[in-house]
Amino acid sequence: MTALLSTLQTRLQKRAAYARTKAEIESMPINVAIDLDIYQPDAAKIAAQAVYGR
């Protein structure tokens, strides 16, 4: 049971980190995104790579 709760907690933490990262990329001013060479419509892909490593 403890392992299940630990796994659930880890997944929830990663999901929250993914949501925060995606929101930050999407709300980034366009000039900052250009400077960082980030294409904002790829926010979900970038956030998934950063949080989940895929």
Protein backbone atom coordinates (compact mmCIF):
# COMPACT_ATOMS: atom_id res chain seq x y z
CA MET A 1 0.00 0.00 0.00
CA THR A 2 2.86 2.36 0.79
CA ALA A 3 4.40 1.77 -2.63
CA LEU A 4 1.10 2.60 -4.29
CA LEU A 5 0.79 5.87 -2.38
CA SER A 6 4.40 6.74 -3.14
CA THR A 7 3.87 6.08 -6.86
CA LEU A 8 0.69 8.12 -6.86
CA GLN A 9 2.40 11.01 -5.08
CA THR A 10 5.29 10.96 -7.56
CA ARG A 11 2.93 10.96 -10.53
CA LEU A 12 0.92 13.85 -9.10
CA GLN A 13 4.08 15.85 -8.47
CA LYS A 14 5.28 15.25 -12.02
CA ARG A 15 1.88 16.18 -13.45
CA ALA A 16 1.91 19.44 -11.47
CA ALA A 17 5.45 20.21 -12.67
CA TYR A 18 4.38 19.48 -16.26
CA ALA A 19 1.37 21.80 -15.98
CA ARG A 20 3.48 24.61 -14.47
CA THR A 21 6.20 24.25 -17.10
CA LYS A 22 3.71 24.19 -19.97
CA ALA A 23 1.88 27.25 -18.63
CA GLU A 24 5.13 29.17 -18.21
CA ILE A 25 6.22 28.44 -21.77
CA GLU A 26 2.81 29.39 -23.16
CA SER A 27 2.72 32.67 -21.22
CA MET A 28 6.29 33.65 -22.09
CA PRO A 29 6.57 36.92 -24.05
CA ILE A 30 7.26 36.24 -27.71
CA ASN A 31 10.56 38.15 -27.71
CA VAL A 32 11.88 36.01 -24.84
CA ALA A 33 10.75 32.83 -26.60
CA ILE A 34 12.56 33.91 -29.77
CA ASP A 35 15.71 34.70 -27.78
CA LEU A 36 15.59 31.23 -26.22
CA ASP A 37 14.78 29.60 -29.57
CA ILE A 38 11.48 28.22 -28.24
CA TYR A 39 8.48 27.67 -30.48
CA GLN A 40 5.55 28.28 -28.13
CA PRO A 41 3.07 25.90 -29.84
CA ASP A 42 5.51 23.12 -28.85
CA ALA A 43 4.99 23.92 -25.15
CA ALA A 44 3.45 20.52 -24.37
CA LYS A 45 6.30 18.67 -26.06
CA ILE A 46 8.96 20.78 -24.34
CA ALA A 47 7.31 20.39 -20.93
CA ALA A 48 6.99 16.62 -21.35
CA GLN A 49 10.66 16.37 -22.27
CA ALA A 50 11.68 18.49 -19.27
CA VAL A 51 9.55 16.64 -16.72
CA TYR A 52 9.19 13.09 -17.99
CA GLY A 53 12.29 12.84 -20.18
CA ARG A 54 10.37 11.81 -23.28
